Amino acid sequence: MGGGRGFAQLDAAERLLPSLRGALAATDLPERERHLCAAYEAVAIRQNASGLVDPVDPSPRPYHGRPFLVLHAERFARPLAASLTDPELRGRPLTGAVDQWADSTDLLTGAGGDALRAATEAAGAATSRR
């Protein structure tokens, strides 16, 4: 894995590439999780260093009652969204990437761009009503 030319040019690439390569090369789940958690934490530390909002604990934590560690990135996204000053942007919902709220293989991998757009709009509308 070369990391991609664009990614390799990022300041964070040197810190993240070993963890990302390790996750791809891992032969078992604990090893993969260890590498992914190192990448999560590195990105979280970088976000905290930006000074955009108050720092958030960068440590990965259990995914609800499941035996997996994740960053729980919403802990970072919520304060960032709250710090927006543009009313149009501030009013937008935090829906995340489509694969965070849709598990339909047809939707995620199909050529139906119109269906994906419609689902994305529907998810945004539903979230904004909450």
N, C-alpha and C. Protein backbone atom coordinates (compact mmCIF):
# COMPACT_ATOMS: atom_id res chain seq x y z
N MET A 1 0.84 -1.18 0.00
CA MET A 1 0.00 0.00 0.00
C MET A 1 0.88 1.23 0.00
N GLY A 2 0.75 2.06 -0.99
CA GLY A 2 1.54 3.27 -1.08
C GLY A 2 0.94 4.42 -0.29
N GLY A 3 -0.31 4.29 0.11
CA GLY A 3 -0.93 5.36 0.87
C GLY A 3 -1.60 6.39 -0.02
N GLY A 4 -1.41 6.26 -1.31
CA GLY A 4 -1.99 7.25 -2.22
C GLY A 4 -1.11 8.47 -2.30
N ARG A 5 -0.96 9.00 -3.49
CA ARG A 5 -0.09 10.17 -3.66
C ARG A 5 -0.59 11.36 -2.89
N GLY A 6 -1.90 11.62 -2.96
CA GLY A 6 -2.44 12.77 -2.24
C GLY A 6 -2.30 12.62 -0.74
N PHE A 7 -2.65 11.44 -0.22
CA PHE A 7 -2.55 11.20 1.21
C PHE A 7 -1.10 11.32 1.67
N ALA A 8 -0.18 10.78 0.91
CA ALA A 8 1.23 10.80 1.28
C ALA A 8 1.77 12.21 1.41
N GLN A 9 1.14 13.18 0.79
CA GLN A 9 1.59 14.57 0.86
C GLN A 9 1.07 15.30 2.10
N LEU A 10 0.12 14.72 2.80
CA LEU A 10 -0.41 15.35 4.00
C LEU A 10 0.62 15.33 5.13
N ASP A 11 0.58 16.35 5.97
CA ASP A 11 1.48 16.39 7.12
C ASP A 11 1.29 15.18 8.03
N ALA A 12 0.07 14.70 8.13
CA ALA A 12 -0.24 13.60 9.04
C ALA A 12 0.15 12.23 8.48
N ALA A 13 0.47 12.15 7.22
CA ALA A 13 0.72 10.85 6.59
C ALA A 13 1.85 10.08 7.26
N GLU A 14 2.93 10.75 7.56
CA GLU A 14 4.08 10.05 8.16
C GLU A 14 3.69 9.39 9.48
N ARG A 15 2.84 10.04 10.25
CA ARG A 15 2.40 9.49 11.53
C ARG A 15 1.36 8.39 11.36
N LEU A 16 0.50 8.52 10.35
CA LEU A 16 -0.60 7.58 10.18
C LEU A 16 -0.27 6.34 9.36
N LEU A 17 0.61 6.48 8.38
CA LEU A 17 0.86 5.35 7.47
C LEU A 17 1.29 4.06 8.17
N PRO A 18 2.18 4.10 9.15
CA PRO A 18 2.54 2.83 9.80
C PRO A 18 1.33 2.13 10.43
N SER A 19 0.45 2.89 11.07
CA SER A 19 -0.74 2.30 11.68
C SER A 19 -1.70 1.76 10.63
N LEU A 20 -1.91 2.52 9.57
CA LEU A 20 -2.83 2.08 8.52
C LEU A 20 -2.28 0.86 7.78
N ARG A 21 -0.99 0.86 7.52
CA ARG A 21 -0.37 -0.32 6.89
C ARG A 21 -0.46 -1.53 7.82
N GLY A 22 -0.23 -1.28 9.10
CA GLY A 22 -0.31 -2.37 10.08
C GLY A 22 -1.71 -2.95 10.15
N ALA A 23 -2.73 -2.09 10.08
CA ALA A 23 -4.11 -2.58 10.11
C ALA A 23 -4.41 -3.44 8.89
N LEU A 24 -3.92 -3.02 7.74
CA LEU A 24 -4.15 -3.80 6.52
C LEU A 24 -3.40 -5.13 6.53
N ALA A 25 -2.24 -5.15 7.15
CA ALA A 25 -1.42 -6.36 7.17
C ALA A 25 -1.75 -7.29 8.34
N ALA A 26 -2.54 -6.83 9.27
CA ALA A 26 -2.84 -7.62 10.47
C ALA A 26 -3.47 -8.96 10.10
N THR A 27 -3.10 -9.96 10.86
CA THR A 27 -3.62 -11.30 10.60
C THR A 27 -4.69 -11.72 11.61
N ASP A 28 -4.93 -10.88 12.61
CA ASP A 28 -6.01 -11.19 13.55
C ASP A 28 -6.66 -9.88 14.02
N LEU A 29 -7.84 -10.02 14.60
CA LEU A 29 -8.61 -8.84 15.00
C LEU A 29 -7.93 -8.00 16.08
N PRO A 30 -7.34 -8.59 17.12
CA PRO A 30 -6.67 -7.74 18.13
C PRO A 30 -5.54 -6.89 17.54
N GLU A 31 -4.77 -7.48 16.64
CA GLU A 31 -3.68 -6.74 16.01
C GLU A 31 -4.24 -5.61 15.14
N ARG A 32 -5.27 -5.92 14.36
CA ARG A 32 -5.89 -4.89 13.51
C ARG A 32 -6.45 -3.76 14.38
N GLU A 33 -7.14 -4.11 15.46
CA GLU A 33 -7.72 -3.10 16.34
C GLU A 33 -6.62 -2.23 16.96
N ARG A 34 -5.52 -2.83 17.35
CA ARG A 34 -4.41 -2.07 17.94
C ARG A 34 -3.90 -1.02 16.97
N HIS A 35 -3.72 -1.40 15.71
CA HIS A 35 -3.25 -0.45 14.70
C HIS A 35 -4.29 0.62 14.40
N LEU A 36 -5.55 0.22 14.28
CA LEU A 36 -6.61 1.21 14.02
C LEU A 36 -6.73 2.19 15.18
N CYS A 37 -6.64 1.70 16.41
CA CYS A 37 -6.73 2.59 17.57
C CYS A 37 -5.57 3.58 17.59
N ALA A 38 -4.40 3.15 17.17
CA ALA A 38 -3.27 4.08 17.09
C ALA A 38 -3.56 5.18 16.06
N ALA A 39 -4.16 4.82 14.94
CA ALA A 39 -4.52 5.81 13.92
C ALA A 39 -5.61 6.74 14.44
N TYR A 40 -6.64 6.18 15.09
CA TYR A 40 -7.72 7.01 15.65
C TYR A 40 -7.14 8.05 16.61
N GLU A 41 -6.29 7.57 17.49
CA GLU A 41 -5.73 8.46 18.51
C GLU A 41 -4.85 9.54 17.88
N ALA A 42 -4.08 9.17 16.87
CA ALA A 42 -3.23 10.16 16.20
C ALA A 42 -4.07 11.26 15.55
N VAL A 43 -5.16 10.88 14.92
CA VAL A 43 -6.05 11.87 14.28
C VAL A 43 -6.71 12.73 15.34
N ALA A 44 -7.14 12.13 16.44
CA ALA A 44 -7.78 12.88 17.52
C ALA A 44 -6.80 13.87 18.15
N ILE A 45 -5.57 13.46 18.35
CA ILE A 45 -4.56 14.36 18.90
C ILE A 45 -4.33 15.53 17.95
N ARG A 46 -4.29 15.24 16.68
CA ARG A 46 -4.12 16.29 15.67
C ARG A 46 -5.30 17.27 15.69
N GLN A 47 -6.51 16.74 15.82
CA GLN A 47 -7.68 17.61 15.92
C GLN A 47 -7.58 18.50 17.15
N ASN A 48 -7.22 17.91 18.28
CA ASN A 48 -7.08 18.70 19.51
C ASN A 48 -6.04 19.80 19.34
N ALA A 49 -4.96 19.51 18.64
CA ALA A 49 -3.89 20.49 18.44
C ALA A 49 -4.31 21.64 17.54
N SER A 50 -5.39 21.47 16.79
CA SER A 50 -5.83 22.54 15.89
C SER A 50 -6.31 23.76 16.66
N GLY A 51 -6.75 23.56 17.90
CA GLY A 51 -7.21 24.67 18.71
C GLY A 51 -8.58 25.22 18.32
N LEU A 52 -9.28 24.52 17.45
CA LEU A 52 -10.60 25.01 17.01
C LEU A 52 -11.63 24.96 18.13
N VAL A 53 -11.55 23.95 18.97
CA VAL A 53 -12.45 23.79 20.11
C VAL A 53 -11.63 23.23 21.27
N ASP A 54 -12.22 23.17 22.44
CA ASP A 54 -11.52 22.60 23.59
C ASP A 54 -11.13 21.15 23.29
N PRO A 55 -9.97 20.73 23.78
CA PRO A 55 -9.53 19.35 23.53
C PRO A 55 -10.50 18.32 24.10
N VAL A 56 -10.54 17.18 23.42
CA VAL A 56 -11.37 16.04 23.80
C VAL A 56 -10.43 14.87 24.06
N ASP A 57 -10.74 14.05 25.04
CA ASP A 57 -9.91 12.87 25.33
C ASP A 57 -9.75 12.05 24.05
N PRO A 58 -8.52 11.87 23.56
CA PRO A 58 -8.31 11.16 22.29
C PRO A 58 -8.29 9.64 22.40
N SER A 59 -8.52 9.11 23.57
CA SER A 59 -8.42 7.66 23.76
C SER A 59 -9.61 6.93 23.14
N PRO A 60 -9.33 5.84 22.43
CA PRO A 60 -10.43 4.98 21.96
C PRO A 60 -11.15 4.37 23.15
N ARG A 61 -12.40 4.03 22.96
CA ARG A 61 -13.22 3.47 24.03
C ARG A 61 -14.15 2.41 23.47
N PRO A 62 -14.73 1.61 24.34
CA PRO A 62 -15.61 0.53 23.86
C PRO A 62 -16.78 1.05 23.04
N TYR A 63 -17.15 0.25 22.06
CA TYR A 63 -18.29 0.56 21.22
C TYR A 63 -19.54 0.01 21.90
N HIS A 64 -20.14 0.86 22.71
CA HIS A 64 -21.31 0.50 23.50
C HIS A 64 -21.00 -0.79 24.26
N GLY A 65 -21.81 -1.81 24.20
CA GLY A 65 -21.55 -3.04 24.94
C GLY A 65 -20.77 -4.06 24.15
N ARG A 66 -20.27 -3.67 22.99
CA ARG A 66 -19.58 -4.63 22.13
C ARG A 66 -18.09 -4.65 22.44
N PRO A 67 -17.41 -5.72 22.08
CA PRO A 67 -15.99 -5.85 22.43
C PRO A 67 -15.04 -5.21 21.41
N PHE A 68 -15.35 -3.98 20.98
CA PHE A 68 -14.53 -3.28 20.00
C PHE A 68 -14.22 -1.89 20.51
N LEU A 69 -13.01 -1.42 20.23
CA LEU A 69 -12.64 -0.06 20.59
C LEU A 69 -12.79 0.85 19.37
N VAL A 70 -13.38 2.03 19.59
CA VAL A 70 -13.58 3.02 18.53
C VAL A 70 -13.25 4.40 19.10
N LEU A 71 -13.20 5.39 18.25
CA LEU A 71 -12.92 6.74 18.71
C LEU A 71 -14.16 7.44 19.25
N HIS A 72 -15.33 7.05 18.78
CA HIS A 72 -16.56 7.79 19.06
C HIS A 72 -16.35 9.22 18.60
N ALA A 73 -16.16 9.37 17.30
CA ALA A 73 -15.84 10.65 16.69
C ALA A 73 -16.90 11.71 16.91
N GLU A 74 -18.11 11.31 17.28
CA GLU A 74 -19.14 12.32 17.56
C GLU A 74 -18.72 13.22 18.71
N ARG A 75 -17.84 12.74 19.58
CA ARG A 75 -17.33 13.56 20.67
C ARG A 75 -16.53 14.75 20.14
N PHE A 76 -15.98 14.60 18.96
CA PHE A 76 -15.24 15.68 18.31
C PHE A 76 -16.15 16.49 17.39
N ALA A 77 -17.04 15.80 16.70
CA ALA A 77 -17.90 16.46 15.71
C ALA A 77 -18.88 17.43 16.36
N ARG A 78 -19.45 17.07 17.49
CA ARG A 78 -20.46 17.94 18.12
C ARG A 78 -19.89 19.30 18.51
N PRO A 79 -18.76 19.36 19.23
CA PRO A 79 -18.22 20.69 19.57
C PRO A 79 -17.79 21.48 18.33
N LEU A 80 -17.26 20.77 17.33
CA LEU A 80 -16.88 21.46 16.09
C LEU A 80 -18.10 22.06 15.41
N ALA A 81 -19.18 21.29 15.33
CA ALA A 81 -20.41 21.79 14.71
C ALA A 81 -20.97 22.96 15.50
N ALA A 82 -20.92 22.88 16.81
CA ALA A 82 -21.44 23.96 17.66
C ALA A 82 -20.62 25.24 17.52
N SER A 83 -19.37 25.11 17.08
CA SER A 83 -18.52 26.29 16.95
C SER A 83 -18.72 27.02 15.62
N LEU A 84 -19.49 26.45 14.70
CA LEU A 84 -19.72 27.09 13.41
C LEU A 84 -20.50 28.38 13.60
N THR A 85 -20.13 29.39 12.84
CA THR A 85 -20.81 30.67 12.95
C THR A 85 -21.78 30.92 11.80
N ASP A 86 -21.62 30.22 10.70
CA ASP A 86 -22.54 30.37 9.56
C ASP A 86 -23.84 29.66 9.92
N PRO A 87 -24.97 30.41 9.97
CA PRO A 87 -26.24 29.79 10.38
C PRO A 87 -26.66 28.64 9.48
N GLU A 88 -26.39 28.72 8.18
CA GLU A 88 -26.78 27.63 7.27
C GLU A 88 -26.00 26.36 7.59
N LEU A 89 -24.71 26.50 7.82
CA LEU A 89 -23.90 25.33 8.16
C LEU A 89 -24.23 24.81 9.55
N ARG A 90 -24.43 25.72 10.47
CA ARG A 90 -24.70 25.32 11.85
C ARG A 90 -26.00 24.52 11.98
N GLY A 91 -26.96 24.81 11.11
CA GLY A 91 -28.24 24.12 11.16
C GLY A 91 -28.26 22.76 10.49
N ARG A 92 -27.16 22.39 9.85
CA ARG A 92 -27.14 21.09 9.16
C ARG A 92 -26.94 19.95 10.16
N PRO A 93 -27.58 18.83 9.90
CA PRO A 93 -27.45 17.68 10.82
C PRO A 93 -26.10 16.99 10.68
N LEU A 94 -25.71 16.32 11.73
CA LEU A 94 -24.48 15.51 11.72
C LEU A 94 -24.86 14.10 11.31
N THR A 95 -25.00 13.87 10.02
CA THR A 95 -25.43 12.55 9.56
C THR A 95 -24.25 11.62 9.30
N GLY A 96 -23.07 12.13 9.09
CA GLY A 96 -21.92 11.29 8.83
C GLY A 96 -21.92 10.75 7.42
N ALA A 97 -21.00 9.85 7.16
CA ALA A 97 -20.89 9.22 5.85
C ALA A 97 -22.03 8.21 5.68
N VAL A 98 -22.39 7.97 4.44
CA VAL A 98 -23.54 7.11 4.16
C VAL A 98 -23.40 5.72 4.77
N ASP A 99 -22.19 5.18 4.83
CA ASP A 99 -22.05 3.84 5.38
C ASP A 99 -22.17 3.80 6.90
N GLN A 100 -22.33 4.97 7.53
CA GLN A 100 -22.58 5.00 8.97
C GLN A 100 -24.06 4.85 9.29
N TRP A 101 -24.93 5.12 8.32
CA TRP A 101 -26.36 5.04 8.61
C TRP A 101 -27.13 4.16 7.64
N ALA A 102 -26.45 3.62 6.63
CA ALA A 102 -27.11 2.72 5.69
C ALA A 102 -26.31 1.43 5.60
N ASP A 103 -27.00 0.31 5.66
CA ASP A 103 -26.28 -0.97 5.55
C ASP A 103 -26.74 -1.78 4.35
N SER A 104 -27.39 -1.13 3.41
CA SER A 104 -27.84 -1.81 2.19
C SER A 104 -26.68 -1.91 1.21
N THR A 105 -26.27 -3.14 0.93
CA THR A 105 -25.19 -3.35 -0.02
C THR A 105 -25.54 -2.77 -1.38
N ASP A 106 -26.79 -2.95 -1.81
CA ASP A 106 -27.21 -2.40 -3.10
C ASP A 106 -27.06 -0.89 -3.12
N LEU A 107 -27.44 -0.25 -2.04
CA LEU A 107 -27.34 1.20 -1.97
C LEU A 107 -25.89 1.65 -1.97
N LEU A 108 -25.06 0.98 -1.19
CA LEU A 108 -23.68 1.41 -1.02
C LEU A 108 -22.78 1.07 -2.20
N THR A 109 -23.06 0.00 -2.91
CA THR A 109 -22.16 -0.42 -3.99
C THR A 109 -22.78 -0.34 -5.36
N GLY A 110 -24.07 -0.13 -5.44
CA GLY A 110 -24.76 -0.10 -6.72
C GLY A 110 -24.46 1.16 -7.52
N ALA A 111 -24.82 1.11 -8.76
CA ALA A 111 -24.61 2.25 -9.65
C ALA A 111 -25.72 3.28 -9.50
N GLY A 112 -26.65 3.03 -8.60
CA GLY A 112 -27.81 3.91 -8.44
C GLY A 112 -27.49 5.18 -7.69
N GLY A 113 -26.77 6.09 -8.29
CA GLY A 113 -26.43 7.36 -7.66
C GLY A 113 -27.66 8.13 -7.23
N ASP A 114 -28.74 8.02 -8.00
CA ASP A 114 -29.97 8.74 -7.65
C ASP A 114 -30.55 8.20 -6.34
N ALA A 115 -30.51 6.89 -6.16
CA ALA A 115 -31.03 6.29 -4.93
C ALA A 115 -30.19 6.73 -3.74
N LEU A 116 -28.88 6.78 -3.90
CA LEU A 116 -27.99 7.20 -2.83
C LEU A 116 -28.25 8.65 -2.47
N ARG A 117 -28.39 9.51 -3.48
CA ARG A 117 -28.70 10.92 -3.23
C ARG A 117 -30.02 11.07 -2.48
N ALA A 118 -31.04 10.33 -2.92
CA ALA A 118 -32.35 10.41 -2.27
C ALA A 118 -32.27 9.93 -0.82
N ALA A 119 -31.54 8.85 -0.57
CA ALA A 119 -31.39 8.34 0.79
C ALA A 119 -30.64 9.34 1.66
N THR A 120 -29.62 9.97 1.12
CA THR A 120 -28.84 10.96 1.86
C THR A 120 -29.72 12.15 2.22
N GLU A 121 -30.50 12.62 1.27
CA GLU A 121 -31.40 13.75 1.54
C GLU A 121 -32.45 13.38 2.59
N ALA A 122 -32.99 12.17 2.50
CA ALA A 122 -33.99 11.72 3.46
C ALA A 122 -33.39 11.63 4.86
N ALA A 123 -32.18 11.11 4.96
CA ALA A 123 -31.52 11.01 6.27
C ALA A 123 -31.27 12.39 6.84
N GLY A 124 -30.86 13.32 6.02
CA GLY A 124 -30.64 14.70 6.49
C GLY A 124 -31.92 15.34 6.95
N ALA A 125 -33.00 15.13 6.25
CA ALA A 125 -34.28 15.70 6.63
C ALA A 125 -34.77 15.11 7.94
N ALA A 126 -34.62 13.78 8.09
CA ALA A 126 -35.06 13.12 9.31
C ALA A 126 -34.26 13.59 10.51
N THR A 127 -32.95 13.75 10.32
CA THR A 127 -32.08 14.18 11.42
C THR A 127 -32.37 15.62 11.82
N SER A 128 -32.67 16.48 10.84
CA SER A 128 -32.92 17.88 11.16
C SER A 128 -34.24 18.08 11.90
N ARG A 129 -35.16 17.11 11.83
CA ARG A 129 -36.44 17.21 12.53
C ARG A 129 -36.30 16.82 14.00
N ARG A 130 -35.20 16.19 14.37
CA ARG A 130 -35.02 15.72 15.76
C ARG A 130 -34.86 16.87 16.72
